[in-house]
Amino acid sequence: MFKRFDPDNDISTSTSVKASVQRGIKNDLKESHPLILEEQLDILLPKKNPLVQYKVGPHLMLYCRPPCEESKVSDNEPLMFQSRDGPILPALRFVHFYPDLEFNRVTVDQGAIPFILGGANIMCPGLTNPGGKMPEDQDDAPGLEKGVGVVVYAEGKEHALAVGVMKMSSAQM
């Protein structure tokens, strides 16, 4: 998605993110992905190195980090993005750089892989058939709520396949 992202040509505005907004982003990530540890978030979003927010088109915000020594991510590499008023999602390349981070995770069965790579939406059977996995539902709450960001993995594969937003809760599926 952001492979050919060029901050010089593809953006309408860019601003440094204020510390208060960066704390808000950090809290949103902590709330939406509860398995990420506080120490990991401090490495991802250090206080010294503020994020840069790029507005791309009318509905997309990219959050990039300027270069720093401890980062595995290169200069102006998109870390996260937000479409319209949706959740802040990690970029797929960012997920690949930090495989030990525990984002909300779903797994699709092997039959769905070619369709997803071709651009199709993930349907309920891809998650509910044998081979598909979602977080378990609790007694009083679903494992994943509607509107929550998830990282999609494929059955039998090591790396993430996609990043997306749940359109239904896991209890409804």
Protein backbone atom coordinates (compact mmCIF):
# COMPACT_ATOMS: atom_id res chain seq x y z
CA MET A 1 0.00 0.00 0.00
CA PHE A 2 2.75 2.44 0.92
CA LYS A 3 5.53 0.85 -1.13
CA ARG A 4 5.82 3.82 -3.45
CA PHE A 5 5.08 6.46 -0.81
CA ASP A 6 7.13 9.57 -1.51
CA PRO A 7 6.63 12.34 1.06
CA ASP A 8 7.77 14.96 -1.45
CA ASN A 9 5.05 14.22 -4.02
CA ASP A 10 2.21 12.28 -2.35
CA ILE A 11 1.19 14.53 0.53
CA SER A 12 -0.88 17.64 0.92
CA THR A 13 0.42 18.67 4.37
CA SER A 14 2.88 17.44 6.95
CA THR A 15 3.18 18.40 10.60
CA SER A 16 5.11 17.23 13.61
CA VAL A 17 2.82 15.53 16.06
CA LYS A 18 2.55 17.30 19.41
CA ALA A 19 3.59 15.35 22.50
CA SER A 20 0.00 15.33 23.78
CA VAL A 21 -1.31 13.89 20.50
CA GLN A 22 1.49 11.31 20.49
CA ARG A 23 0.49 10.28 24.03
CA GLY A 24 -3.08 9.94 22.78
CA ILE A 25 -1.94 7.71 19.91
CA LYS A 26 0.07 5.64 22.38
CA ASN A 27 -2.98 5.28 24.67
CA ASP A 28 -5.19 4.33 21.70
CA LEU A 29 -2.71 1.63 20.69
CA LYS A 30 -2.50 0.36 24.27
CA GLU A 31 -6.29 0.26 24.56
CA SER A 32 -6.97 -1.35 21.19
CA HIS A 33 -4.08 -3.86 21.40
CA PRO A 34 -3.88 -4.81 25.09
CA LEU A 35 -1.16 -7.43 24.62
CA ILE A 36 1.49 -4.85 23.66
CA LEU A 37 3.69 -4.08 26.65
CA GLU A 38 4.36 -0.54 27.89
CA GLU A 39 8.11 -0.94 27.30
CA GLN A 40 7.50 -1.92 23.68
CA LEU A 41 5.33 1.16 23.16
CA ASP A 42 8.09 3.35 24.61
CA ILE A 43 10.53 1.97 22.03
CA LEU A 44 8.05 2.41 19.19
CA LEU A 45 6.97 5.91 20.14
CA PRO A 46 9.84 7.55 22.05
CA LYS A 47 9.27 10.96 23.60
CA LYS A 48 12.46 12.43 22.11
CA ASN A 49 11.63 11.62 18.50
CA PRO A 50 8.20 12.99 17.61
CA LEU A 51 6.11 11.44 14.86
CA VAL A 52 5.44 13.26 11.63
CA GLN A 53 1.86 13.25 10.39
CA TYR A 54 1.27 13.32 6.64
CA LYS A 55 -2.15 14.03 5.20
CA VAL A 56 -2.57 12.01 2.01
CA GLY A 57 -5.65 12.84 0.00
CA PRO A 58 -8.87 13.75 1.76
CA HIS A 59 -9.18 10.75 4.12
CA LEU A 60 -5.82 9.19 4.98
CA MET A 61 -3.32 10.13 7.68
CA LEU A 62 0.12 8.52 7.76
CA TYR A 63 2.27 8.59 10.87
CA CYS A 64 5.98 8.31 10.16
CA ARG A 65 8.99 8.48 12.44
CA PRO A 66 12.04 10.56 11.61
CA PRO A 67 15.31 8.59 11.59
CA CYS A 68 16.78 7.52 14.93
CA GLU A 69 19.53 5.12 16.01
CA GLU A 70 17.47 2.40 17.74
CA SER A 71 14.83 2.16 15.00
CA LYS A 72 14.77 -0.71 12.52
CA VAL A 73 12.50 1.35 10.28
CA SER A 74 14.09 3.58 7.65
CA ASP A 75 13.67 7.31 7.12
CA ASN A 76 10.02 8.41 6.75
CA GLU A 77 8.79 4.82 6.62
CA PRO A 78 5.05 4.76 7.47
CA LEU A 79 4.58 3.24 10.93
CA MET A 80 0.84 3.65 11.27
CA PHE A 81 -2.08 4.95 9.31
CA GLN A 82 -5.64 6.04 9.93
CA SER A 83 -8.38 6.12 7.35
CA ARG A 84 -11.16 8.63 8.06
CA ASP A 85 -12.16 8.28 11.71
CA GLY A 86 -11.20 4.61 11.95
CA PRO A 87 -8.70 3.10 14.35
CA ILE A 88 -4.99 3.77 14.03
CA LEU A 89 -3.53 0.69 12.36
CA PRO A 90 0.09 -0.43 12.03
CA ALA A 91 1.49 -0.56 8.51
CA LEU A 92 2.12 -4.12 7.31
CA ARG A 93 5.85 -3.53 6.87
CA PHE A 94 5.97 -2.20 10.45
CA VAL A 95 4.34 -5.45 11.66
CA HIS A 96 7.01 -7.40 9.76
CA PHE A 97 9.84 -5.36 11.35
CA TYR A 98 8.49 -6.02 14.85
CA PRO A 99 7.12 -9.59 14.81
CA ASP A 100 7.29 -9.91 18.61
CA LEU A 101 4.58 -7.25 19.12
CA GLU A 102 1.21 -8.70 20.01
CA PHE A 103 -1.37 -6.85 17.94
CA ASN A 104 -4.95 -8.12 17.79
CA ARG A 105 -4.58 -11.18 15.63
CA VAL A 106 -6.85 -13.27 13.42
CA THR A 107 -5.85 -16.20 11.22
CA VAL A 108 -7.54 -17.17 7.95
CA ASP A 109 -7.61 -20.66 6.48
CA GLN A 110 -5.40 -21.58 3.52
CA GLY A 111 -8.25 -21.41 1.01
CA ALA A 112 -8.64 -17.66 1.57
CA ILE A 113 -5.00 -16.73 0.92
CA PRO A 114 -5.08 -16.27 -2.89
CA PHE A 115 -8.27 -14.22 -2.70
CA ILE A 116 -6.94 -11.92 0.02
CA LEU A 117 -3.70 -11.39 -1.90
CA GLY A 118 -5.86 -10.50 -4.91
CA GLY A 119 -7.56 -7.75 -2.88
CA ALA A 120 -10.75 -9.45 -1.67
CA ASN A 121 -12.31 -8.72 1.70
CA ILE A 122 -12.06 -11.43 4.33
CA MET A 123 -15.39 -13.16 4.80
CA CYS A 124 -16.66 -15.02 7.88
CA PRO A 125 -15.94 -18.53 6.46
CA GLY A 126 -12.26 -17.63 6.09
CA LEU A 127 -12.11 -17.05 9.84
CA THR A 128 -14.57 -19.69 11.06
CA ASN A 129 -13.59 -22.70 8.90
CA PRO A 130 -11.05 -25.17 10.24
CA GLY A 131 -7.69 -23.41 10.13
CA GLY A 132 -9.11 -19.97 10.88
CA LYS A 133 -8.64 -18.53 14.38
CA MET A 134 -9.96 -15.58 16.35
CA PRO A 135 -9.60 -14.61 20.01
CA GLU A 136 -12.01 -16.51 22.22
CA ASP A 137 -15.23 -14.83 23.31
CA GLN A 138 -15.58 -14.08 27.02
CA ASP A 139 -18.82 -14.65 28.99
CA ASP A 140 -19.91 -11.03 28.81
CA ALA A 141 -17.94 -9.67 25.82
CA PRO A 142 -16.81 -10.83 22.39
CA GLY A 143 -13.11 -11.55 21.80
CA LEU A 144 -12.96 -8.76 19.21
CA GLU A 145 -15.43 -5.89 18.96
CA LYS A 146 -16.75 -4.38 15.75
CA GLY A 147 -14.44 -1.58 14.52
CA VAL A 148 -11.25 -2.92 16.17
CA GLY A 149 -8.05 -3.05 14.12
CA VAL A 150 -6.53 -6.49 13.51
CA VAL A 151 -3.46 -8.00 11.90
CA VAL A 152 -4.36 -10.92 9.63
CA TYR A 153 -2.16 -14.01 9.46
CA ALA A 154 -2.56 -17.03 7.20
CA GLU A 155 -2.79 -20.61 8.39
CA GLY A 156 0.65 -22.22 8.33
CA LYS A 157 2.48 -18.98 7.47
CA GLU A 158 4.91 -17.04 9.62
CA HIS A 159 4.37 -13.44 8.48
CA ALA A 160 1.30 -11.23 8.52
CA LEU A 161 -0.82 -11.12 5.38
CA ALA A 162 -2.89 -7.97 5.87
CA VAL A 163 -4.05 -5.31 8.30
CA GLY A 164 -7.71 -4.43 8.63
CA VAL A 165 -10.74 -3.49 10.68
CA MET A 166 -13.39 -5.87 12.03
CA LYS A 167 -16.79 -5.16 10.43
CA MET A 168 -18.53 -7.60 12.78
CA SER A 169 -17.73 -8.68 16.30
CA SER A 170 -16.33 -12.15 16.78
CA ALA A 171 -19.48 -13.10 18.71
CA GLN A 172 -21.64 -12.28 15.66
CA MET A 173 -19.48 -14.47 13.43
